[in-house]
N, C-alpha and C. Protein backbone atom coordinates (compact mmCIF):
# COMPACT_ATOMS: atom_id res chain seq x y z
N MET A 1 36.44 -140.32 9.27
CA MET A 1 37.71 -141.00 9.52
C MET A 1 38.08 -141.86 8.27
N MET A 2 39.54 -141.56 8.14
CA MET A 2 40.07 -142.04 6.72
C MET A 2 40.34 -143.52 7.11
N ASN A 3 40.01 -144.16 6.15
CA ASN A 3 40.66 -145.78 5.98
C ASN A 3 42.09 -145.71 5.90
N LYS A 4 42.72 -146.76 5.82
CA LYS A 4 44.03 -147.22 5.43
C LYS A 4 44.52 -146.73 4.18
N LYS A 5 43.65 -147.22 3.02
CA LYS A 5 44.20 -146.85 1.72
C LYS A 5 43.88 -145.47 1.35
N GLU A 6 42.99 -144.77 1.95
CA GLU A 6 42.96 -143.32 1.83
C GLU A 6 44.11 -142.63 2.42
N HIS A 7 44.56 -143.07 3.46
CA HIS A 7 45.69 -142.40 4.20
C HIS A 7 46.79 -142.54 3.29
N LEU A 8 47.11 -143.83 2.86
CA LEU A 8 48.16 -144.48 1.82
C LEU A 8 48.10 -143.36 0.74
N PHE A 9 46.75 -143.46 0.03
CA PHE A 9 46.87 -142.43 -0.95
C PHE A 9 47.27 -141.27 -0.59
N ILE A 10 46.90 -140.72 0.22
CA ILE A 10 47.26 -139.21 0.58
C ILE A 10 48.78 -139.03 0.84
N THR A 11 49.32 -140.12 1.58
CA THR A 11 50.88 -140.02 1.93
C THR A 11 51.48 -140.15 0.29
N PHE A 12 51.25 -141.11 -0.52
CA PHE A 12 51.84 -141.17 -1.57
C PHE A 12 51.63 -139.90 -2.67
N GLU A 13 50.35 -139.22 -2.73
CA GLU A 13 50.22 -138.01 -3.30
C GLU A 13 51.28 -137.11 -2.70
N ASN A 14 51.62 -136.90 -1.53
CA ASN A 14 52.54 -135.80 -0.98
C ASN A 14 53.97 -136.42 -1.62
N LEU A 15 54.19 -137.39 -1.41
CA LEU A 15 55.50 -138.26 -1.88
C LEU A 15 55.98 -137.72 -3.42
N PHE A 16 54.82 -138.12 -4.19
CA PHE A 16 54.76 -137.54 -5.65
C PHE A 16 55.17 -136.13 -5.63
N ARG A 17 54.26 -135.42 -5.10
CA ARG A 17 54.42 -134.05 -4.95
C ARG A 17 56.02 -133.46 -4.80
N VAL A 18 56.45 -134.31 -3.63
CA VAL A 18 57.83 -133.95 -3.33
C VAL A 18 58.64 -134.31 -4.47
N LYS A 19 58.32 -135.60 -5.17
CA LYS A 19 59.34 -135.72 -6.42
C LYS A 19 59.15 -134.98 -7.49
N SER A 20 57.95 -134.47 -7.72
CA SER A 20 57.85 -133.31 -8.80
C SER A 20 58.68 -132.23 -8.42
N GLU A 21 58.68 -131.75 -7.01
CA GLU A 21 59.48 -130.55 -6.83
C GLU A 21 61.00 -130.73 -7.15
N CYS A 22 61.56 -132.06 -6.91
CA CYS A 22 62.83 -132.52 -6.98
C CYS A 22 63.16 -132.50 -8.59
N SER A 23 62.06 -132.95 -9.42
CA SER A 23 62.45 -133.05 -10.91
C SER A 23 62.48 -131.61 -11.20
N SER A 24 61.45 -130.57 -10.71
CA SER A 24 61.29 -129.38 -11.38
C SER A 24 62.84 -128.70 -10.68
N SER A 25 63.43 -128.82 -9.56
CA SER A 25 64.53 -128.23 -9.25
C SER A 25 65.52 -128.95 -10.23
N VAL A 26 65.89 -129.92 -10.58
CA VAL A 26 66.87 -130.53 -11.37
C VAL A 26 66.72 -129.88 -12.61
N PHE A 27 65.36 -129.86 -13.28
CA PHE A 27 65.18 -129.16 -14.55
C PHE A 27 65.78 -127.72 -14.78
N SER A 28 65.18 -126.89 -13.42
CA SER A 28 65.75 -125.61 -13.34
C SER A 28 67.15 -125.28 -13.67
N GLU A 29 67.91 -126.36 -12.82
CA GLU A 29 69.28 -126.19 -12.55
C GLU A 29 69.71 -126.45 -13.92
N CYS A 30 69.33 -127.15 -14.81
CA CYS A 30 69.82 -127.53 -16.08
C CYS A 30 69.25 -126.47 -17.26
N GLY A 31 68.42 -125.56 -16.68
CA GLY A 31 68.00 -124.56 -17.69
C GLY A 31 67.13 -125.24 -18.98
N LEU A 32 66.24 -126.23 -18.54
CA LEU A 32 65.55 -126.90 -19.77
C LEU A 32 64.23 -126.67 -19.67
N SER A 33 63.62 -125.58 -20.25
CA SER A 33 62.32 -125.30 -20.13
C SER A 33 61.48 -125.81 -21.46
N ASP A 34 62.21 -126.11 -22.51
CA ASP A 34 61.70 -126.03 -23.59
C ASP A 34 61.59 -127.54 -24.10
N ILE A 35 62.31 -128.51 -23.48
CA ILE A 35 62.29 -129.73 -23.95
C ILE A 35 60.97 -130.79 -23.54
N THR A 36 60.66 -131.51 -24.57
CA THR A 36 59.43 -132.31 -24.05
C THR A 36 59.80 -133.74 -23.77
N ILE A 37 58.56 -134.36 -23.21
CA ILE A 37 58.85 -135.62 -22.46
C ILE A 37 59.31 -136.62 -23.59
N LYS A 38 58.73 -136.61 -24.65
CA LYS A 38 59.10 -137.51 -25.63
C LYS A 38 60.63 -137.22 -26.15
N GLN A 39 61.07 -135.75 -26.04
CA GLN A 39 62.46 -135.64 -26.37
C GLN A 39 63.40 -136.47 -25.28
N MET A 40 62.98 -136.21 -24.03
CA MET A 40 63.71 -136.94 -22.90
C MET A 40 63.54 -138.35 -23.14
N ARG A 41 62.72 -138.93 -23.58
CA ARG A 41 62.32 -140.60 -23.50
C ARG A 41 63.70 -140.71 -24.75
N TYR A 42 63.72 -139.99 -25.91
CA TYR A 42 64.80 -140.32 -26.95
C TYR A 42 66.19 -140.19 -26.36
N LEU A 43 66.29 -139.23 -25.71
CA LEU A 43 67.38 -139.13 -25.22
C LEU A 43 68.05 -140.10 -23.95
N LYS A 44 67.37 -140.74 -23.48
CA LYS A 44 67.32 -141.58 -22.67
C LYS A 44 67.77 -143.09 -23.31
N ALA A 45 66.77 -143.23 -24.51
CA ALA A 45 67.08 -144.33 -25.17
C ALA A 45 68.73 -144.18 -25.97
N ILE A 46 69.13 -143.11 -26.29
CA ILE A 46 70.44 -142.67 -26.76
C ILE A 46 71.32 -143.23 -25.75
N ASP A 47 71.02 -142.91 -24.46
CA ASP A 47 71.81 -142.92 -23.36
C ASP A 47 72.21 -144.37 -22.95
N GLU A 48 70.93 -145.17 -23.14
CA GLU A 48 70.79 -146.57 -22.71
C GLU A 48 71.81 -147.43 -23.60
N CYS A 49 72.06 -147.05 -25.02
CA CYS A 49 72.82 -147.59 -26.04
C CYS A 49 73.98 -147.32 -25.95
N GLU A 50 75.23 -148.62 -26.15
CA GLU A 50 76.13 -147.96 -26.37
C GLU A 50 76.70 -147.30 -27.75
N GLU A 51 76.43 -148.24 -28.75
CA GLU A 51 76.63 -147.66 -29.66
C GLU A 51 75.32 -147.71 -30.78
N VAL A 52 74.87 -146.45 -30.87
CA VAL A 52 73.52 -146.14 -31.35
C VAL A 52 73.49 -145.45 -32.79
N THR A 53 73.03 -146.04 -33.93
CA THR A 53 73.03 -145.25 -35.13
C THR A 53 71.62 -144.95 -35.35
N PHE A 54 71.70 -144.36 -36.29
CA PHE A 54 70.36 -143.39 -36.85
C PHE A 54 69.28 -145.01 -37.13
N SER A 55 69.57 -146.03 -37.58
CA SER A 55 68.80 -146.81 -37.94
C SER A 55 68.20 -147.70 -36.59
N LYS A 56 69.53 -147.76 -35.83
CA LYS A 56 69.06 -148.70 -34.50
C LYS A 56 68.18 -147.66 -33.61
N LEU A 57 68.38 -146.30 -33.58
CA LEU A 57 67.63 -145.47 -32.88
C LEU A 57 66.21 -145.44 -33.45
N ALA A 58 65.84 -145.51 -34.66
CA ALA A 58 64.43 -145.67 -35.47
C ALA A 58 63.89 -147.03 -35.00
N GLU A 59 64.62 -147.97 -35.05
CA GLU A 59 64.11 -149.36 -34.50
C GLU A 59 63.72 -149.16 -32.97
N ILE A 60 64.38 -148.60 -32.35
CA ILE A 60 64.25 -148.64 -30.85
C ILE A 60 62.79 -147.77 -30.46
N THR A 61 62.92 -146.87 -31.25
CA THR A 61 61.94 -145.92 -30.88
C THR A 61 60.39 -146.05 -31.82
N ARG A 62 60.73 -147.18 -32.68
CA ARG A 62 59.54 -147.24 -33.96
C ARG A 62 59.12 -146.16 -34.63
N ASN A 63 60.23 -145.39 -35.18
CA ASN A 63 60.00 -144.36 -35.96
C ASN A 63 60.76 -144.65 -37.39
N SER A 64 60.52 -143.74 -38.28
CA SER A 64 61.17 -143.76 -39.75
C SER A 64 62.44 -143.11 -39.33
N LYS A 65 63.32 -143.66 -40.38
CA LYS A 65 64.68 -142.66 -40.42
C LYS A 65 64.70 -141.46 -40.64
N PRO A 66 63.63 -140.78 -41.42
CA PRO A 66 63.63 -139.28 -41.49
C PRO A 66 63.30 -138.73 -40.39
N THR A 67 62.34 -139.34 -39.73
CA THR A 67 61.66 -138.79 -38.47
C THR A 67 63.00 -138.56 -37.22
N ILE A 68 63.78 -139.62 -37.24
CA ILE A 68 64.81 -139.88 -36.49
C ILE A 68 65.82 -138.58 -36.94
N THR A 69 66.15 -138.44 -38.04
CA THR A 69 67.26 -137.59 -38.74
C THR A 69 66.70 -136.02 -38.45
N GLU A 70 65.39 -135.89 -38.43
CA GLU A 70 64.83 -134.69 -38.25
C GLU A 70 65.18 -134.26 -36.58
N MET A 71 64.70 -135.25 -35.77
CA MET A 71 64.84 -135.05 -34.33
C MET A 71 66.36 -135.01 -34.03
N ILE A 72 67.02 -135.64 -34.49
CA ILE A 72 68.62 -135.49 -34.29
C ILE A 72 69.31 -134.28 -34.75
N ASN A 73 68.59 -133.54 -35.79
CA ASN A 73 68.89 -132.22 -36.12
C ASN A 73 68.82 -131.52 -35.11
N LYS A 74 67.46 -131.43 -34.74
CA LYS A 74 67.11 -130.67 -33.32
C LYS A 74 67.86 -130.80 -32.07
N PHE A 75 68.25 -131.95 -31.78
CA PHE A 75 69.09 -132.19 -30.75
C PHE A 75 70.37 -131.49 -31.00
N VAL A 76 71.09 -131.49 -32.18
CA VAL A 76 72.37 -131.06 -32.58
C VAL A 76 72.06 -129.28 -32.09
N LYS A 77 71.11 -128.91 -32.51
CA LYS A 77 70.79 -127.49 -32.56
C LYS A 77 70.79 -127.25 -30.97
N MET A 78 70.21 -127.92 -30.20
CA MET A 78 70.06 -127.83 -28.98
C MET A 78 71.21 -128.17 -28.05
N GLU A 79 72.46 -128.80 -28.71
CA GLU A 79 73.41 -129.14 -28.05
C GLU A 79 73.27 -130.27 -27.17
N CYS A 80 72.40 -131.16 -27.50
CA CYS A 80 72.21 -132.43 -26.69
C CYS A 80 73.05 -133.57 -27.30
N VAL A 81 73.16 -133.44 -28.77
CA VAL A 81 73.82 -134.46 -29.38
C VAL A 81 75.06 -134.22 -30.25
N TYR A 82 75.64 -134.96 -30.82
CA TYR A 82 76.60 -134.83 -31.82
C TYR A 82 76.64 -136.08 -32.66
N ARG A 83 77.00 -136.09 -33.79
CA ARG A 83 77.28 -137.29 -34.80
C ARG A 83 78.66 -137.29 -34.79
N GLU A 84 79.10 -138.84 -34.79
CA GLU A 84 80.41 -139.40 -34.68
C GLU A 84 80.77 -140.33 -35.92
N GLN A 85 81.31 -140.02 -36.76
CA GLN A 85 81.57 -141.16 -37.81
C GLN A 85 82.20 -142.19 -37.40
N SER A 86 81.67 -143.43 -38.04
CA SER A 86 82.37 -144.74 -37.44
C SER A 86 83.94 -144.47 -38.16
N PRO A 87 84.90 -145.06 -37.38
CA PRO A 87 86.16 -144.93 -37.90
C PRO A 87 86.34 -146.57 -38.97
N LEU A 88 85.60 -147.21 -39.13
CA LEU A 88 85.23 -148.53 -39.93
C LEU A 88 84.76 -148.47 -41.14
N ASP A 89 83.58 -147.45 -40.77
CA ASP A 89 82.72 -147.49 -42.26
C ASP A 89 82.41 -146.00 -42.27
N GLY A 90 82.66 -145.27 -42.97
CA GLY A 90 82.43 -143.75 -43.25
C GLY A 90 80.98 -143.48 -43.51
N ARG A 91 80.44 -144.41 -43.69
CA ARG A 91 78.97 -144.47 -44.12
C ARG A 91 77.88 -144.49 -42.77
N ILE A 92 78.46 -144.76 -41.80
CA ILE A 92 77.78 -145.28 -40.29
C ILE A 92 78.12 -143.84 -39.40
N PHE A 93 77.02 -143.20 -38.99
CA PHE A 93 77.47 -142.34 -37.98
C PHE A 93 76.57 -142.76 -36.47
N TYR A 94 77.32 -142.62 -35.54
CA TYR A 94 76.93 -142.76 -34.37
C TYR A 94 76.29 -141.71 -33.60
N ILE A 95 75.29 -141.82 -32.82
CA ILE A 95 74.57 -140.62 -32.24
C ILE A 95 75.34 -140.63 -30.60
N ARG A 96 75.80 -139.61 -30.41
CA ARG A 96 76.68 -139.62 -29.19
C ARG A 96 75.94 -138.36 -28.23
N LEU A 97 75.73 -138.51 -27.01
CA LEU A 97 75.35 -137.57 -26.31
C LEU A 97 76.13 -136.35 -25.63
N THR A 98 75.97 -135.39 -25.67
CA THR A 98 76.89 -134.08 -24.97
C THR A 98 76.70 -134.15 -23.50
N GLU A 99 77.41 -133.66 -22.76
CA GLU A 99 77.07 -133.31 -21.40
C GLU A 99 75.75 -133.00 -21.01
N LYS A 100 75.18 -131.89 -21.89
CA LYS A 100 73.76 -131.56 -21.88
C LYS A 100 72.76 -132.54 -21.67
N GLY A 101 72.91 -133.58 -23.02
CA GLY A 101 72.25 -134.16 -23.31
C GLY A 101 72.18 -135.49 -22.25
N GLN A 102 73.30 -135.84 -21.59
CA GLN A 102 73.35 -136.69 -20.64
C GLN A 102 72.66 -136.54 -19.36
N THR A 103 72.87 -135.09 -19.07
CA THR A 103 72.04 -134.43 -17.95
C THR A 103 70.56 -134.70 -18.00
N ILE A 104 70.11 -134.43 -19.37
CA ILE A 104 68.77 -134.68 -19.75
C ILE A 104 68.12 -136.24 -19.64
N ALA A 105 69.09 -136.69 -20.10
CA ALA A 105 68.73 -138.16 -20.14
C ALA A 105 68.60 -138.94 -18.83
N ARG A 106 69.49 -138.16 -17.92
CA ARG A 106 69.32 -138.83 -16.40
C ARG A 106 68.72 -138.06 -15.55
N LEU A 107 67.98 -137.37 -16.18
CA LEU A 107 67.19 -136.35 -15.19
C LEU A 107 66.34 -137.11 -14.26
N GLU A 108 65.63 -138.07 -14.69
CA GLU A 108 64.56 -138.88 -13.93
C GLU A 108 65.35 -139.39 -12.70
N ARG A 109 66.71 -140.01 -12.99
CA ARG A 109 67.43 -140.47 -12.02
C ARG A 109 68.03 -139.49 -11.04
N ASN A 110 68.46 -138.22 -11.63
CA ASN A 110 68.96 -137.26 -10.72
C ASN A 110 67.85 -136.70 -9.96
N SER A 111 66.64 -136.92 -10.23
CA SER A 111 65.48 -136.23 -9.40
C SER A 111 65.01 -137.29 -8.52
N LEU A 112 65.09 -138.42 -8.65
CA LEU A 112 65.06 -139.40 -7.56
C LEU A 112 66.11 -139.55 -6.56
N LEU A 113 67.55 -139.31 -6.80
CA LEU A 113 68.48 -139.10 -6.23
C LEU A 113 68.38 -137.92 -5.17
N LYS A 114 67.63 -136.76 -5.53
CA LYS A 114 67.40 -135.61 -4.60
C LYS A 114 66.37 -136.08 -3.99
N LEU A 115 65.36 -136.82 -4.27
CA LEU A 115 64.26 -137.10 -3.41
C LEU A 115 64.64 -137.94 -2.30
N VAL A 116 65.62 -139.03 -2.61
CA VAL A 116 66.23 -139.86 -1.65
C VAL A 116 67.00 -138.76 -0.56
N GLU A 117 67.57 -137.90 -0.91
CA GLU A 117 68.37 -136.93 -0.04
C GLU A 117 67.30 -136.50 0.76
N ARG A 118 66.17 -135.90 0.13
CA ARG A 118 65.26 -135.17 0.86
C ARG A 118 64.83 -136.27 2.10
N MET A 119 64.40 -137.28 1.76
CA MET A 119 63.86 -138.47 2.40
C MET A 119 64.89 -138.53 3.64
N ALA A 120 66.20 -138.80 3.16
CA ALA A 120 67.32 -139.01 4.15
C ALA A 120 67.51 -138.12 5.59
N GLY A 121 67.13 -136.78 4.89
CA GLY A 121 67.16 -135.60 5.90
C GLY A 121 66.08 -135.39 6.68
N SER A 122 65.05 -136.10 6.28
CA SER A 122 63.74 -136.00 7.21
C SER A 122 63.51 -137.34 7.90
N LEU A 123 64.46 -138.34 8.03
CA LEU A 123 64.21 -139.64 8.74
C LEU A 123 65.29 -139.83 9.25
N ASP A 124 65.15 -140.50 10.43
CA ASP A 124 66.38 -140.98 11.20
C ASP A 124 66.77 -142.40 10.73
N GLU A 125 67.96 -142.81 10.89
CA GLU A 125 68.37 -144.22 10.36
C GLU A 125 67.46 -145.16 10.48
N LYS A 126 66.64 -145.51 11.65
CA LYS A 126 65.80 -146.39 12.00
C LYS A 126 64.70 -146.26 11.05
N ASP A 127 63.96 -145.26 10.91
CA ASP A 127 62.95 -145.09 10.01
C ASP A 127 63.41 -145.20 8.41
N MET A 128 64.56 -145.03 8.10
CA MET A 128 65.14 -145.30 6.71
C MET A 128 65.09 -146.69 6.60
N ASP A 129 65.59 -147.47 7.68
CA ASP A 129 65.56 -148.76 7.45
C ASP A 129 64.17 -149.76 7.43
N THR A 130 63.49 -149.00 8.28
CA THR A 130 61.76 -149.48 8.10
C THR A 130 61.41 -149.15 6.62
N LEU A 131 61.37 -148.23 6.34
CA LEU A 131 61.05 -147.79 5.07
C LEU A 131 61.65 -148.64 3.83
N VAL A 132 62.68 -149.07 3.71
CA VAL A 132 63.39 -149.63 2.83
C VAL A 132 62.94 -151.09 2.86
N GLN A 133 62.54 -151.59 4.12
CA GLN A 133 62.08 -153.03 4.44
C GLN A 133 60.57 -152.86 3.89
N ILE A 134 59.86 -152.04 4.23
CA ILE A 134 58.38 -152.07 3.69
C ILE A 134 58.47 -151.89 2.01
N LEU A 135 59.29 -150.91 1.45
CA LEU A 135 59.20 -150.64 0.21
C LEU A 135 59.56 -152.15 -0.76
N GLN A 136 60.58 -153.04 0.16
CA GLN A 136 60.97 -153.89 -0.73
C GLN A 136 59.92 -154.89 -0.66
N LYS A 137 58.91 -155.16 -0.22
CA LYS A 137 57.86 -156.17 -0.06
C LYS A 137 57.02 -155.67 -1.11
N VAL A 138 56.95 -154.32 -1.98
CA VAL A 138 55.91 -153.94 -2.94
C VAL A 138 56.21 -154.80 -4.15
N LYS A 139 55.60 -155.59 -4.56
CA LYS A 139 55.81 -156.14 -5.73
C LYS A 139 55.18 -155.74 -6.81
């Protein structure tokens, strides 16, 4: 007979499997087969910054400027980012996400939204309220 922790483990294992399916679904919808987790993190960092320059991104990601330049060049070829020259200082370029870049950067959030939709479709309102109450207790 399973103890409560084993049962909880199996339950979460199933939940993570469903989340993985949701992530794969969002990934497929975007046609993103050749992007790495590291690249996704960089795009997320760009997305979270309002005005990100090459220097700022190097600082955030703890990389050298040449590494960032190489990565941004790859992203430009992948049509995930573009460079925008500062109107105040022509030496400064901002890194901006394209729509595709935003989709990739927000992939995790979108897959979680898809998971929530699946859960909402599987649970009635009372069960959803109970689940929210229980999960809010987890610290």
